[in-house]
Amino acid sequence: MKTSFTAIDFETATSHHICSVGIVTFENGEIIDEYHALIKPPNNEYNWHNIKVHGITERHTQNMPSFNEIYPEIKKRIHGKTLVAHNESFDRNVLTKTMRDYSIDYSELNIAEKWVCTMKIYKAKGYKPANLNACCQQNNIQLEHHQALSDARACGKLFLIA
């Protein structure tokens, strides 16, 4: 089991448009860096379904930087790292599509084509359901669900004990 990796989580305003990112870096099983940012999605537009999930609204992001302004901070933390996410296909697709929107080449991140998925790991262990909230409750991991930094931190802790 790897003890050095980076856990990541995105919250979206609409489809793949990011409004929040949480990144937690683990070295030798310990958290050494945490990063969170609110991000202004294109035209600061939100779907009410997404707002119901995470509570982030236009008001929270109207004066925040856009993805391309935040990207150097994201790249600094994930370049060349093993990435872990709960439901990795969602987070990976959000990142790749957003990077495409801003004409940023995904390959410059030097990361695996598929990331490690804690949801798949816990499904394979027989967890039903295997969503982040249920996995955290079963393992007594603190979680403010759909808060990107909390989700990333919890995902990393789940990976450490998997």
N, C-alpha and C. Protein backbone atom coordinates (compact mmCIF):
# COMPACT_ATOMS: atom_id res chain seq x y z
N MET A 1 0.85 -1.20 0.00
CA MET A 1 0.00 0.00 0.00
C MET A 1 0.88 1.24 0.00
N LYS A 2 0.58 2.12 -0.92
CA LYS A 2 1.32 3.38 -0.99
C LYS A 2 0.92 4.30 0.16
N THR A 3 1.87 4.95 0.77
CA THR A 3 1.56 5.90 1.84
C THR A 3 1.90 7.33 1.42
N SER A 4 2.41 7.49 0.18
CA SER A 4 2.68 8.82 -0.36
C SER A 4 1.87 8.99 -1.64
N PHE A 5 0.92 9.92 -1.61
CA PHE A 5 -0.02 10.12 -2.71
C PHE A 5 -0.73 11.45 -2.51
N THR A 6 -1.57 11.82 -3.45
CA THR A 6 -2.34 13.05 -3.36
C THR A 6 -3.81 12.73 -3.58
N ALA A 7 -4.64 13.12 -2.63
CA ALA A 7 -6.10 12.94 -2.75
C ALA A 7 -6.70 14.24 -3.26
N ILE A 8 -7.68 14.11 -4.15
CA ILE A 8 -8.26 15.29 -4.79
C ILE A 8 -9.77 15.15 -4.89
N ASP A 9 -10.45 16.30 -4.79
CA ASP A 9 -11.91 16.31 -4.94
C ASP A 9 -12.32 17.63 -5.58
N PHE A 10 -13.29 17.53 -6.49
CA PHE A 10 -13.87 18.72 -7.11
C PHE A 10 -15.35 18.79 -6.79
N GLU A 11 -15.85 20.00 -6.62
CA GLU A 11 -17.28 20.28 -6.61
C GLU A 11 -17.56 21.06 -7.88
N THR A 12 -18.72 20.82 -8.48
CA THR A 12 -19.04 21.47 -9.76
C THR A 12 -20.26 22.37 -9.66
N ALA A 13 -20.25 23.40 -10.49
CA ALA A 13 -21.36 24.35 -10.56
C ALA A 13 -22.41 23.86 -11.56
N THR A 14 -21.94 23.40 -12.71
CA THR A 14 -22.77 22.79 -13.75
C THR A 14 -21.91 21.70 -14.38
N SER A 15 -22.50 20.69 -14.91
CA SER A 15 -21.79 19.56 -15.55
C SER A 15 -20.37 19.42 -15.03
N HIS A 16 -19.36 19.82 -15.82
CA HIS A 16 -17.97 19.65 -15.41
C HIS A 16 -17.31 20.96 -14.96
N HIS A 17 -18.08 22.01 -14.84
CA HIS A 17 -17.50 23.32 -14.49
C HIS A 17 -17.24 23.41 -12.99
N ILE A 18 -15.97 23.52 -12.65
CA ILE A 18 -15.51 23.46 -11.26
C ILE A 18 -15.83 24.75 -10.50
N CYS A 19 -16.32 24.57 -9.25
CA CYS A 19 -16.51 25.73 -8.37
C CYS A 19 -15.67 25.60 -7.10
N SER A 20 -15.12 24.41 -6.85
CA SER A 20 -14.30 24.20 -5.66
C SER A 20 -13.37 23.01 -5.87
N VAL A 21 -12.16 23.13 -5.32
CA VAL A 21 -11.19 22.03 -5.38
C VAL A 21 -10.57 21.86 -4.00
N GLY A 22 -10.34 20.61 -3.63
CA GLY A 22 -9.61 20.27 -2.42
C GLY A 22 -8.52 19.28 -2.78
N ILE A 23 -7.30 19.56 -2.33
CA ILE A 23 -6.15 18.69 -2.63
C ILE A 23 -5.39 18.47 -1.32
N VAL A 24 -5.18 17.19 -0.99
CA VAL A 24 -4.46 16.84 0.24
C VAL A 24 -3.29 15.93 -0.13
N THR A 25 -2.09 16.35 0.25
CA THR A 25 -0.88 15.59 -0.06
C THR A 25 -0.45 14.79 1.17
N PHE A 26 -0.26 13.48 0.97
CA PHE A 26 0.18 12.57 2.02
C PHE A 26 1.60 12.12 1.71
N GLU A 27 2.48 12.18 2.70
CA GLU A 27 3.83 11.63 2.59
C GLU A 27 4.02 10.68 3.78
N ASN A 28 4.40 9.45 3.49
CA ASN A 28 4.60 8.44 4.55
C ASN A 28 3.40 8.37 5.49
N GLY A 29 2.20 8.46 4.90
CA GLY A 29 0.98 8.30 5.67
C GLY A 29 0.54 9.53 6.44
N GLU A 30 1.27 10.63 6.33
CA GLU A 30 0.94 11.86 7.06
C GLU A 30 0.56 12.97 6.08
N ILE A 31 -0.38 13.81 6.49
CA ILE A 31 -0.75 14.96 5.66
C ILE A 31 0.36 16.01 5.77
N ILE A 32 0.92 16.39 4.61
CA ILE A 32 1.97 17.42 4.61
C ILE A 32 1.52 18.72 3.94
N ASP A 33 0.40 18.67 3.19
CA ASP A 33 -0.09 19.89 2.54
C ASP A 33 -1.57 19.74 2.27
N GLU A 34 -2.30 20.83 2.49
CA GLU A 34 -3.72 20.88 2.14
C GLU A 34 -3.96 22.16 1.35
N TYR A 35 -4.76 22.04 0.31
CA TYR A 35 -5.07 23.20 -0.53
C TYR A 35 -6.55 23.19 -0.85
N HIS A 36 -7.19 24.33 -0.69
CA HIS A 36 -8.59 24.48 -1.06
C HIS A 36 -8.76 25.81 -1.76
N ALA A 37 -9.59 25.83 -2.78
CA ALA A 37 -9.91 27.08 -3.46
C ALA A 37 -11.34 27.04 -3.99
N LEU A 38 -12.00 28.17 -3.89
CA LEU A 38 -13.25 28.37 -4.63
C LEU A 38 -12.84 28.90 -5.99
N ILE A 39 -13.55 28.47 -7.03
CA ILE A 39 -13.21 28.82 -8.41
C ILE A 39 -14.46 29.35 -9.09
N LYS A 40 -14.31 30.46 -9.77
CA LYS A 40 -15.44 31.03 -10.52
C LYS A 40 -15.65 30.21 -11.78
N PRO A 41 -16.81 29.55 -11.89
CA PRO A 41 -17.07 28.77 -13.11
C PRO A 41 -17.37 29.72 -14.28
N PRO A 42 -17.35 29.21 -15.51
CA PRO A 42 -17.64 30.07 -16.67
C PRO A 42 -18.97 30.81 -16.48
N ASN A 43 -18.92 32.10 -16.69
CA ASN A 43 -20.08 33.00 -16.53
C ASN A 43 -20.68 32.95 -15.13
N ASN A 44 -19.98 32.35 -14.18
CA ASN A 44 -20.45 32.19 -12.79
C ASN A 44 -21.85 31.58 -12.75
N GLU A 45 -22.09 30.60 -13.63
CA GLU A 45 -23.40 29.95 -13.73
C GLU A 45 -23.43 28.67 -12.89
N TYR A 46 -24.59 28.45 -12.26
CA TYR A 46 -24.80 27.28 -11.40
C TYR A 46 -26.11 26.59 -11.75
N ASN A 47 -26.09 25.28 -11.59
CA ASN A 47 -27.31 24.48 -11.67
C ASN A 47 -27.84 24.32 -10.24
N TRP A 48 -29.12 24.51 -10.04
CA TRP A 48 -29.66 24.46 -8.67
C TRP A 48 -29.49 23.09 -8.04
N HIS A 49 -29.45 22.02 -8.86
CA HIS A 49 -29.20 20.68 -8.32
C HIS A 49 -27.83 20.63 -7.64
N ASN A 50 -26.84 21.21 -8.30
CA ASN A 50 -25.48 21.22 -7.75
C ASN A 50 -25.42 22.05 -6.47
N ILE A 51 -26.10 23.20 -6.46
CA ILE A 51 -26.14 24.05 -5.27
C ILE A 51 -26.73 23.26 -4.09
N LYS A 52 -27.78 22.49 -4.37
CA LYS A 52 -28.40 21.68 -3.31
C LYS A 52 -27.41 20.69 -2.71
N VAL A 53 -26.50 20.18 -3.52
CA VAL A 53 -25.52 19.19 -3.06
C VAL A 53 -24.46 19.84 -2.16
N HIS A 54 -23.84 20.92 -2.62
CA HIS A 54 -22.69 21.47 -1.89
C HIS A 54 -22.90 22.84 -1.25
N GLY A 55 -23.97 23.53 -1.60
CA GLY A 55 -24.26 24.81 -0.98
C GLY A 55 -23.46 25.99 -1.50
N ILE A 56 -22.64 25.77 -2.52
CA ILE A 56 -21.86 26.87 -3.09
C ILE A 56 -22.73 27.55 -4.15
N THR A 57 -22.77 28.89 -4.11
CA THR A 57 -23.60 29.65 -5.05
C THR A 57 -22.78 30.71 -5.78
N GLU A 58 -23.44 31.39 -6.71
CA GLU A 58 -22.82 32.48 -7.47
C GLU A 58 -22.20 33.51 -6.52
N ARG A 59 -22.87 33.76 -5.42
CA ARG A 59 -22.42 34.75 -4.44
C ARG A 59 -21.03 34.38 -3.89
N HIS A 60 -20.79 33.07 -3.68
CA HIS A 60 -19.51 32.62 -3.12
C HIS A 60 -18.35 32.77 -4.10
N THR A 61 -18.65 32.68 -5.40
CA THR A 61 -17.56 32.64 -6.39
C THR A 61 -17.48 33.86 -7.29
N GLN A 62 -18.36 34.83 -7.11
CA GLN A 62 -18.37 35.97 -8.05
C GLN A 62 -17.04 36.71 -8.12
N ASN A 63 -16.29 36.77 -7.02
CA ASN A 63 -15.00 37.47 -7.02
C ASN A 63 -13.80 36.53 -6.95
N MET A 64 -14.04 35.25 -7.22
CA MET A 64 -12.97 34.26 -7.16
C MET A 64 -12.28 34.12 -8.52
N PRO A 65 -11.05 33.61 -8.51
CA PRO A 65 -10.34 33.42 -9.79
C PRO A 65 -10.96 32.28 -10.60
N SER A 66 -10.75 32.33 -11.90
CA SER A 66 -11.22 31.26 -12.78
C SER A 66 -10.23 30.09 -12.73
N PHE A 67 -10.60 28.97 -13.35
CA PHE A 67 -9.75 27.78 -13.30
C PHE A 67 -8.34 28.05 -13.81
N ASN A 68 -8.22 28.74 -14.94
CA ASN A 68 -6.89 28.95 -15.50
C ASN A 68 -6.00 29.80 -14.58
N GLU A 69 -6.59 30.62 -13.73
CA GLU A 69 -5.81 31.41 -12.77
C GLU A 69 -5.35 30.54 -11.59
N ILE A 70 -6.14 29.55 -11.22
CA ILE A 70 -5.86 28.65 -10.10
C ILE A 70 -4.98 27.48 -10.54
N TYR A 71 -5.02 27.17 -11.84
CA TYR A 71 -4.36 25.97 -12.35
C TYR A 71 -2.90 25.82 -11.91
N PRO A 72 -2.07 26.87 -11.89
CA PRO A 72 -0.67 26.66 -11.45
C PRO A 72 -0.57 26.07 -10.03
N GLU A 73 -1.48 26.45 -9.15
CA GLU A 73 -1.49 25.89 -7.78
C GLU A 73 -1.89 24.42 -7.81
N ILE A 74 -2.85 24.08 -8.64
CA ILE A 74 -3.29 22.69 -8.78
C ILE A 74 -2.14 21.86 -9.35
N LYS A 75 -1.56 22.35 -10.45
CA LYS A 75 -0.47 21.61 -11.11
C LYS A 75 0.69 21.37 -10.16
N LYS A 76 1.05 22.37 -9.38
CA LYS A 76 2.17 22.26 -8.43
C LYS A 76 1.93 21.09 -7.46
N ARG A 77 0.69 20.85 -7.12
CA ARG A 77 0.38 19.83 -6.11
C ARG A 77 0.13 18.43 -6.69
N ILE A 78 -0.22 18.34 -7.97
CA ILE A 78 -0.56 17.01 -8.51
C ILE A 78 0.41 16.52 -9.58
N HIS A 79 1.28 17.36 -10.09
CA HIS A 79 2.19 16.96 -11.16
C HIS A 79 3.02 15.75 -10.75
N GLY A 80 2.93 14.69 -11.54
CA GLY A 80 3.74 13.49 -11.33
C GLY A 80 3.35 12.66 -10.12
N LYS A 81 2.23 12.96 -9.49
CA LYS A 81 1.81 12.26 -8.26
C LYS A 81 0.86 11.11 -8.56
N THR A 82 0.75 10.21 -7.60
CA THR A 82 -0.31 9.20 -7.62
C THR A 82 -1.54 9.90 -7.09
N LEU A 83 -2.60 9.97 -7.90
CA LEU A 83 -3.83 10.64 -7.48
C LEU A 83 -4.86 9.64 -7.01
N VAL A 84 -5.53 10.00 -5.93
CA VAL A 84 -6.57 9.18 -5.34
C VAL A 84 -7.83 10.03 -5.24
N ALA A 85 -8.97 9.46 -5.64
CA ALA A 85 -10.25 10.16 -5.53
C ALA A 85 -11.34 9.13 -5.26
N HIS A 86 -12.40 9.56 -4.63
CA HIS A 86 -13.55 8.69 -4.41
C HIS A 86 -14.45 8.91 -5.62
N ASN A 87 -14.69 7.87 -6.40
CA ASN A 87 -15.35 7.98 -7.71
C ASN A 87 -14.43 8.75 -8.66
N GLU A 88 -13.25 8.21 -8.85
CA GLU A 88 -12.20 8.89 -9.60
C GLU A 88 -12.63 9.27 -11.01
N SER A 89 -13.50 8.48 -11.64
CA SER A 89 -13.87 8.81 -13.02
C SER A 89 -14.58 10.16 -13.08
N PHE A 90 -15.38 10.50 -12.08
CA PHE A 90 -16.03 11.80 -12.04
C PHE A 90 -14.98 12.91 -11.95
N ASP A 91 -14.12 12.84 -10.93
CA ASP A 91 -13.13 13.90 -10.71
C ASP A 91 -12.14 14.01 -11.87
N ARG A 92 -11.73 12.87 -12.40
CA ARG A 92 -10.79 12.88 -13.54
C ARG A 92 -11.44 13.51 -14.76
N ASN A 93 -12.69 13.16 -15.04
CA ASN A 93 -13.40 13.75 -16.19
C ASN A 93 -13.61 15.25 -16.00
N VAL A 94 -13.92 15.67 -14.79
CA VAL A 94 -14.09 17.10 -14.51
C VAL A 94 -12.78 17.84 -14.82
N LEU A 95 -11.67 17.29 -14.36
CA LEU A 95 -10.38 17.94 -14.59
C LEU A 95 -10.01 17.94 -16.08
N THR A 96 -10.14 16.80 -16.74
CA THR A 96 -9.72 16.74 -18.15
C THR A 96 -10.59 17.64 -19.02
N LYS A 97 -11.90 17.66 -18.79
CA LYS A 97 -12.78 18.51 -19.60
C LYS A 97 -12.55 19.99 -19.32
N THR A 98 -12.29 20.34 -18.06
CA THR A 98 -12.02 21.74 -17.73
C THR A 98 -10.71 22.19 -18.35
N MET A 99 -9.70 21.33 -18.28
CA MET A 99 -8.42 21.67 -18.90
C MET A 99 -8.60 21.85 -20.41
N ARG A 100 -9.40 21.01 -21.03
CA ARG A 100 -9.67 21.14 -22.47
C ARG A 100 -10.36 22.48 -22.75
N ASP A 101 -11.31 22.87 -21.90
CA ASP A 101 -12.01 24.16 -22.06
C ASP A 101 -11.02 25.33 -22.10
N TYR A 102 -9.95 25.22 -21.31
CA TYR A 102 -8.96 26.31 -21.21
C TYR A 102 -7.72 26.04 -22.08
N SER A 103 -7.83 25.05 -22.97
CA SER A 103 -6.72 24.69 -23.88
C SER A 103 -5.42 24.39 -23.13
N ILE A 104 -5.55 23.68 -22.01
CA ILE A 104 -4.38 23.24 -21.25
C ILE A 104 -4.21 21.75 -21.51
N ASP A 105 -3.00 21.34 -21.85
CA ASP A 105 -2.72 19.95 -22.20
C ASP A 105 -2.63 19.09 -20.94
N TYR A 106 -3.55 18.14 -20.81
CA TYR A 106 -3.60 17.25 -19.64
C TYR A 106 -2.30 16.47 -19.46
N SER A 107 -1.64 16.12 -20.57
CA SER A 107 -0.42 15.31 -20.47
C SER A 107 0.70 16.04 -19.72
N GLU A 108 0.63 17.37 -19.64
CA GLU A 108 1.69 18.10 -18.93
C GLU A 108 1.66 17.83 -17.42
N LEU A 109 0.58 17.22 -16.93
CA LEU A 109 0.51 16.90 -15.50
C LEU A 109 1.33 15.66 -15.14
N ASN A 110 1.64 14.83 -16.15
CA ASN A 110 2.45 13.63 -15.92
C ASN A 110 1.85 12.74 -14.83
N ILE A 111 0.55 12.46 -14.97
CA ILE A 111 -0.15 11.59 -14.02
C ILE A 111 -0.77 10.41 -14.77
N ALA A 112 -1.14 9.38 -14.03
CA ALA A 112 -1.70 8.17 -14.64
C ALA A 112 -2.98 8.47 -15.39
N GLU A 113 -3.23 7.67 -16.42
CA GLU A 113 -4.45 7.83 -17.21
C GLU A 113 -5.68 7.63 -16.33
N LYS A 114 -5.63 6.62 -15.45
CA LYS A 114 -6.70 6.41 -14.46
C LYS A 114 -6.09 6.60 -13.09
N TRP A 115 -6.87 7.19 -12.21
CA TRP A 115 -6.41 7.43 -10.85
C TRP A 115 -6.85 6.28 -9.96
N VAL A 116 -6.36 6.25 -8.74
CA VAL A 116 -6.80 5.26 -7.75
C VAL A 116 -8.20 5.67 -7.29
N CYS A 117 -9.11 4.70 -7.20
CA CYS A 117 -10.49 5.00 -6.83
C CYS A 117 -10.85 4.30 -5.51
N THR A 118 -11.01 5.09 -4.45
CA THR A 118 -11.36 4.49 -3.17
C THR A 118 -12.77 3.90 -3.18
N MET A 119 -13.67 4.42 -4.00
CA MET A 119 -15.00 3.84 -4.07
C MET A 119 -14.92 2.40 -4.60
N LYS A 120 -14.11 2.19 -5.64
CA LYS A 120 -13.94 0.83 -6.19
C LYS A 120 -13.28 -0.08 -5.15
N ILE A 121 -12.30 0.44 -4.43
CA ILE A 121 -11.61 -0.36 -3.41
C ILE A 121 -12.61 -0.82 -2.35
N TYR A 122 -13.46 0.09 -1.88
CA TYR A 122 -14.40 -0.26 -0.82
C TYR A 122 -15.58 -1.08 -1.32
N LYS A 123 -15.97 -0.91 -2.58
CA LYS A 123 -16.98 -1.80 -3.17
C LYS A 123 -16.44 -3.23 -3.19
N ALA A 124 -15.17 -3.36 -3.59
CA ALA A 124 -14.53 -4.69 -3.65
C ALA A 124 -14.42 -5.32 -2.26
N LYS A 125 -14.37 -4.48 -1.22
CA LYS A 125 -14.33 -5.00 0.16
C LYS A 125 -15.72 -5.38 0.65
N GLY A 126 -16.75 -5.13 -0.17
CA GLY A 126 -18.11 -5.51 0.19
C GLY A 126 -18.95 -4.40 0.81
N TYR A 127 -18.46 -3.17 0.80
CA TYR A 127 -19.24 -2.06 1.34
C TYR A 127 -20.45 -1.79 0.46
N LYS A 128 -21.63 -1.70 1.11
CA LYS A 128 -22.87 -1.34 0.41
C LYS A 128 -23.65 -0.41 1.31
N PRO A 129 -23.83 0.84 0.97
CA PRO A 129 -23.26 1.49 -0.20
C PRO A 129 -21.78 1.80 0.02
N ALA A 130 -21.12 2.16 -1.07
CA ALA A 130 -19.69 2.48 -0.98
C ALA A 130 -19.43 3.96 -1.26
N ASN A 131 -20.46 4.79 -1.04
CA ASN A 131 -20.24 6.22 -1.23
C ASN A 131 -19.34 6.75 -0.12
N LEU A 132 -18.82 7.94 -0.31
CA LEU A 132 -17.84 8.50 0.62
C LEU A 132 -18.41 8.62 2.03
N ASN A 133 -19.62 9.11 2.12
CA ASN A 133 -20.26 9.30 3.43
C ASN A 133 -20.36 7.97 4.19
N ALA A 134 -20.85 6.93 3.52
CA ALA A 134 -21.02 5.62 4.16
C ALA A 134 -19.68 5.02 4.57
N CYS A 135 -18.68 5.11 3.70
CA CYS A 135 -17.36 4.57 4.01
C CYS A 135 -16.74 5.29 5.21
N CYS A 136 -16.92 6.60 5.26
CA CYS A 136 -16.37 7.38 6.38
C CYS A 136 -17.08 7.05 7.68
N GLN A 137 -18.41 6.93 7.62
CA GLN A 137 -19.17 6.59 8.84
C GLN A 137 -18.72 5.23 9.37
N GLN A 138 -18.57 4.26 8.50
CA GLN A 138 -18.20 2.91 8.91
C GLN A 138 -16.79 2.86 9.50
N ASN A 139 -15.93 3.81 9.11
CA ASN A 139 -14.54 3.81 9.57
C ASN A 139 -14.23 4.96 10.53
N ASN A 140 -15.27 5.61 11.03
CA ASN A 140 -15.12 6.73 11.98
C ASN A 140 -14.16 7.81 11.49
N ILE A 141 -14.32 8.18 10.22
CA ILE A 141 -13.53 9.26 9.63
C ILE A 141 -14.42 10.49 9.54
N GLN A 142 -13.93 11.59 10.09
CA GLN A 142 -14.70 12.83 10.09
C GLN A 142 -14.87 13.33 8.65
N LEU A 143 -16.09 13.81 8.35
CA LEU A 143 -16.39 14.26 6.99
C LEU A 143 -17.44 15.36 7.00
N GLU A 144 -17.14 16.46 6.34
CA GLU A 144 -18.15 17.46 5.98
C GLU A 144 -18.40 17.21 4.50
N HIS A 145 -19.39 16.34 4.24
CA HIS A 145 -19.59 15.85 2.88
C HIS A 145 -19.88 16.97 1.90
N HIS A 146 -19.29 16.87 0.72
CA HIS A 146 -19.40 17.83 -0.38
C HIS A 146 -18.73 19.15 -0.08
N GLN A 147 -17.80 19.15 0.86
CA GLN A 147 -16.88 20.26 1.05
C GLN A 147 -15.57 19.68 0.52
N ALA A 148 -15.05 20.26 -0.56
CA ALA A 148 -13.97 19.62 -1.34
C ALA A 148 -12.75 19.24 -0.50
N LEU A 149 -12.30 20.10 0.38
CA LEU A 149 -11.12 19.77 1.18
C LEU A 149 -11.41 18.62 2.14
N SER A 150 -12.56 18.64 2.78
CA SER A 150 -12.95 17.56 3.70
C SER A 150 -13.08 16.24 2.94
N ASP A 151 -13.69 16.29 1.76
CA ASP A 151 -13.85 15.08 0.94
C ASP A 151 -12.48 14.51 0.54
N ALA A 152 -11.56 15.37 0.12
CA ALA A 152 -10.23 14.90 -0.28
C ALA A 152 -9.48 14.32 0.91
N ARG A 153 -9.56 14.99 2.05
CA ARG A 153 -8.87 14.51 3.26
C ARG A 153 -9.43 13.14 3.66
N ALA A 154 -10.75 13.00 3.67
CA ALA A 154 -11.39 11.74 4.05
C ALA A 154 -11.05 10.62 3.06
N CYS A 155 -11.04 10.95 1.79
CA CYS A 155 -10.68 9.97 0.77
C CYS A 155 -9.26 9.46 0.99
N GLY A 156 -8.35 10.37 1.28
CA GLY A 156 -6.96 9.97 1.57
C GLY A 156 -6.86 9.08 2.77
N LYS A 157 -7.62 9.39 3.82
CA LYS A 157 -7.60 8.56 5.03
C LYS A 157 -8.18 7.18 4.76
N LEU A 158 -9.23 7.11 3.93
CA LEU A 158 -9.79 5.81 3.53
C LEU A 158 -8.74 4.99 2.77
N PHE A 159 -8.00 5.65 1.89
CA PHE A 159 -6.98 4.94 1.12
C PHE A 159 -5.89 4.38 2.02
N LEU A 160 -5.51 5.13 3.03
CA LEU A 160 -4.46 4.67 3.95
C LEU A 160 -4.85 3.40 4.71
N ILE A 161 -6.14 3.26 5.02
CA ILE A 161 -6.57 2.09 5.82
C ILE A 161 -7.13 0.97 4.95
N ALA A 162 -7.20 1.19 3.64
CA ALA A 162 -7.82 0.17 2.75
C ALA A 162 -7.03 -1.13 2.76
